[in-house]
């Protein structure tokens, strides 16, 4: 279902952040959808003004953190229970993370793309 798609890549089934689907699609291109897989929560303590993360979004309300190994979809962030970033664009998520106070722990609820077989 569309709600399960984290992001799409163009012409590769691999999770490759350089091949994210953008505005350029040709008639001979293939689109691969990467869907929700394992979920985990990570507690983070912000010690600097910037966290050093690269955040992007799929244009449909799911932000994700670009890392290697594969990216993790970021489905919640905040210092209090119930804070959610679902429905936010990447720049809104970056602003929320930037505004979190230093030395206060917060939890990221992350979803990794499902691994094939």
C-alpha atoms as a PDB file:
ATOM      1  CA  UNK A   1       0.000   0.000   0.000  1.00  0.00           C
ATOM      2  CA  UNK A   2       1.196   3.584  -0.565  1.00  0.00           C
ATOM      3  CA  UNK A   3       1.510   4.181   3.199  1.00  0.00           C
ATOM      4  CA  UNK A   4       4.191   1.481   3.396  1.00  0.00           C
ATOM      5  CA  UNK A   5       6.532   3.152   0.862  1.00  0.00           C
ATOM      6  CA  UNK A   6       9.460   4.988   2.465  1.00  0.00           C
ATOM      7  CA  UNK A   7      11.107   6.175  -0.769  1.00  0.00           C
ATOM      8  CA  UNK A   8      11.782   5.151  -4.377  1.00  0.00           C
ATOM      9  CA  UNK A   9      14.988   4.690  -6.336  1.00  0.00           C
ATOM     10  CA  UNK A  10      15.460   5.032 -10.061  1.00  0.00           C
ATOM     11  CA  UNK A  11      16.951   2.158 -12.104  1.00  0.00           C
ATOM     12  CA  UNK A  12      18.293   0.207  -9.117  1.00  0.00           C
ATOM     13  CA  UNK A  13      16.738  -2.133  -6.583  1.00  0.00           C
ATOM     14  CA  UNK A  14      19.537  -1.285  -4.147  1.00  0.00           C
ATOM     15  CA  UNK A  15      19.138   1.303  -1.403  1.00  0.00           C
ATOM     16  CA  UNK A  16      21.303   3.958  -3.062  1.00  0.00           C
ATOM     17  CA  UNK A  17      20.914   7.540  -1.865  1.00  0.00           C
ATOM     18  CA  UNK A  18      22.463   8.793  -5.115  1.00  0.00           C
ATOM     19  CA  UNK A  19      19.620   7.170  -7.095  1.00  0.00           C
ATOM     20  CA  UNK A  20      16.603   8.599  -5.262  1.00  0.00           C
ATOM     21  CA  UNK A  21      13.613   9.254  -7.474  1.00  0.00           C
ATOM     22  CA  UNK A  22      13.503  12.916  -8.417  1.00  0.00           C
ATOM     23  CA  UNK A  23      11.980  14.900 -11.234  1.00  0.00           C
ATOM     24  CA  UNK A  24      13.787  13.231 -14.132  1.00  0.00           C
ATOM     25  CA  UNK A  25      12.009  10.074 -15.321  1.00  0.00           C
ATOM     26  CA  UNK A  26      12.469   8.709 -18.822  1.00  0.00           C
ATOM     27  CA  UNK A  27      10.391   6.199 -20.752  1.00  0.00           C
ATOM     28  CA  UNK A  28      12.978   3.454 -20.230  1.00  0.00           C
ATOM     29  CA  UNK A  29      13.521   4.079 -16.500  1.00  0.00           C
ATOM     30  CA  UNK A  30      12.497   1.637 -13.768  1.00  0.00           C
ATOM     31  CA  UNK A  31      11.155   2.792 -10.405  1.00  0.00           C
ATOM     32  CA  UNK A  32      11.775   0.641  -7.322  1.00  0.00           C
ATOM     33  CA  UNK A  33       9.717   1.231  -4.165  1.00  0.00           C
ATOM     34  CA  UNK A  34      11.413   0.596  -0.816  1.00  0.00           C
ATOM     35  CA  UNK A  35       8.890  -0.306   1.887  1.00  0.00           C
ATOM     36  CA  UNK A  36       8.800  -0.240   5.688  1.00  0.00           C
ATOM     37  CA  UNK A  37      10.788  -2.929   7.483  1.00  0.00           C
ATOM     38  CA  UNK A  38      12.301  -3.216  10.968  1.00  0.00           C
ATOM     39  CA  UNK A  39      11.479  -0.491  13.506  1.00  0.00           C
ATOM     40  CA  UNK A  40      13.666   0.614  16.398  1.00  0.00           C
ATOM     41  CA  UNK A  41      13.897   3.449  18.885  1.00  0.00           C
ATOM     42  CA  UNK A  42      17.173   5.225  19.573  1.00  0.00           C
ATOM     43  CA  UNK A  43      17.753   7.607  22.466  1.00  0.00           C
ATOM     44  CA  UNK A  44      19.976  10.525  21.486  1.00  0.00           C
ATOM     45  CA  UNK A  45      21.528  13.270  23.593  1.00  0.00           C
ATOM     46  CA  UNK A  46      22.299  16.420  21.650  1.00  0.00           C
ATOM     47  CA  UNK A  47      25.768  17.667  22.652  1.00  0.00           C
ATOM     48  CA  UNK A  48      26.351  20.182  19.831  1.00  0.00           C
ATOM     49  CA  UNK A  49      24.120  22.691  18.049  1.00  0.00           C
ATOM     50  CA  UNK A  50      24.029  20.453  14.961  1.00  0.00           C
ATOM     51  CA  UNK A  51      23.546  16.680  14.984  1.00  0.00           C
ATOM     52  CA  UNK A  52      25.434  16.156  11.707  1.00  0.00           C
ATOM     53  CA  UNK A  53      22.571  14.299  10.004  1.00  0.00           C
ATOM     54  CA  UNK A  54      21.458  14.535   6.395  1.00  0.00           C
ATOM     55  CA  UNK A  55      17.671  14.501   6.285  1.00  0.00           C
ATOM     56  CA  UNK A  56      15.488  14.264   3.200  1.00  0.00           C
ATOM     57  CA  UNK A  57      11.883  13.245   2.577  1.00  0.00           C
ATOM     58  CA  UNK A  58       9.849  11.283   0.079  1.00  0.00           C
ATOM     59  CA  UNK A  59       7.500  14.177  -0.675  1.00  0.00           C
ATOM     60  CA  UNK A  60       4.588  12.329   0.918  1.00  0.00           C
ATOM     61  CA  UNK A  61       5.181  13.069   4.587  1.00  0.00           C
ATOM     62  CA  UNK A  62       7.952  10.650   5.541  1.00  0.00           C
ATOM     63  CA  UNK A  63      11.347  12.103   6.373  1.00  0.00           C
ATOM     64  CA  UNK A  64      14.402   9.893   6.473  1.00  0.00           C
ATOM     65  CA  UNK A  65      18.017  10.116   7.544  1.00  0.00           C
ATOM     66  CA  UNK A  66      20.569   9.386   4.833  1.00  0.00           C
ATOM     67  CA  UNK A  67      23.253   7.116   6.270  1.00  0.00           C
ATOM     68  CA  UNK A  68      25.401   4.243   5.104  1.00  0.00           C
ATOM     69  CA  UNK A  69      24.366   1.408   5.666  1.00  0.00           C
ATOM     70  CA  UNK A  70      20.856   2.010   4.309  1.00  0.00           C
ATOM     71  CA  UNK A  71      18.743   4.950   5.446  1.00  0.00           C
ATOM     72  CA  UNK A  72      16.317   4.820   8.293  1.00  0.00           C
ATOM     73  CA  UNK A  73      12.933   6.458   7.941  1.00  0.00           C
ATOM     74  CA  UNK A  74      12.425   8.843  10.816  1.00  0.00           C
ATOM     75  CA  UNK A  75       8.859   8.491  12.070  1.00  0.00           C
ATOM     76  CA  UNK A  76       9.082  10.380  15.313  1.00  0.00           C
ATOM     77  CA  UNK A  77      11.373  12.695  17.166  1.00  0.00           C
ATOM     78  CA  UNK A  78      10.981  14.639  20.311  1.00  0.00           C
ATOM     79  CA  UNK A  79      11.643  15.043  23.955  1.00  0.00           C
ATOM     80  CA  UNK A  80       8.099  14.235  24.992  1.00  0.00           C
ATOM     81  CA  UNK A  81       5.934  11.203  24.239  1.00  0.00           C
ATOM     82  CA  UNK A  82       3.714  11.557  21.205  1.00  0.00           C
ATOM     83  CA  UNK A  83       5.865  14.076  19.317  1.00  0.00           C
ATOM     84  CA  UNK A  84       5.679  13.070  15.676  1.00  0.00           C
ATOM     85  CA  UNK A  85       7.264  14.189  12.448  1.00  0.00           C
ATOM     86  CA  UNK A  86       5.009  12.115  10.196  1.00  0.00           C
ATOM     87  CA  UNK A  87       3.646  14.492   7.590  1.00  0.00           C
ATOM     88  CA  UNK A  88       6.610  16.895   7.890  1.00  0.00           C
ATOM     89  CA  UNK A  89       9.048  17.827   5.142  1.00  0.00           C
ATOM     90  CA  UNK A  90      12.805  17.397   5.685  1.00  0.00           C
ATOM     91  CA  UNK A  91      13.405  21.093   6.406  1.00  0.00           C
ATOM     92  CA  UNK A  92      10.690  21.040   9.096  1.00  0.00           C
ATOM     93  CA  UNK A  93      12.314  17.984  10.714  1.00  0.00           C
ATOM     94  CA  UNK A  94      15.732  19.680  10.572  1.00  0.00           C
ATOM     95  CA  UNK A  95      14.263  22.787  12.238  1.00  0.00           C
ATOM     96  CA  UNK A  96      12.630  20.698  15.004  1.00  0.00           C
ATOM     97  CA  UNK A  97      15.894  18.855  15.704  1.00  0.00           C
ATOM     98  CA  UNK A  98      17.863  22.111  15.633  1.00  0.00           C
ATOM     99  CA  UNK A  99      15.471  23.656  18.183  1.00  0.00           C
ATOM    100  CA  UNK A 100      15.849  20.793  20.675  1.00  0.00           C
ATOM    101  CA  UNK A 101      17.882  21.914  23.710  1.00  0.00           C
ATOM    102  CA  UNK A 102      21.393  20.593  24.304  1.00  0.00           C
ATOM    103  CA  UNK A 103      21.987  17.881  26.923  1.00  0.00           C
ATOM    104  CA  UNK A 104      18.329  16.813  26.948  1.00  0.00           C
ATOM    105  CA  UNK A 105      17.836  13.250  25.684  1.00  0.00           C
ATOM    106  CA  UNK A 106      15.218  12.615  23.009  1.00  0.00           C
ATOM    107  CA  UNK A 107      14.030   9.524  21.173  1.00  0.00           C
ATOM    108  CA  UNK A 108      14.081   8.867  17.436  1.00  0.00           C
ATOM    109  CA  UNK A 109      11.657   6.202  16.234  1.00  0.00           C
ATOM    110  CA  UNK A 110      13.255   4.807  13.085  1.00  0.00           C
ATOM    111  CA  UNK A 111      12.058   2.472  10.331  1.00  0.00           C
ATOM    112  CA  UNK A 112      14.575   0.699   8.103  1.00  0.00           C
ATOM    113  CA  UNK A 113      13.685  -0.297   4.529  1.00  0.00           C
ATOM    114  CA  UNK A 114      12.665  -3.949   4.287  1.00  0.00           C
ATOM    115  CA  UNK A 115      15.430  -6.234   3.101  1.00  0.00           C
ATOM    116  CA  UNK A 116      14.637  -8.442   0.116  1.00  0.00           C
ATOM    117  CA  UNK A 117      14.670 -12.153   0.885  1.00  0.00           C
END
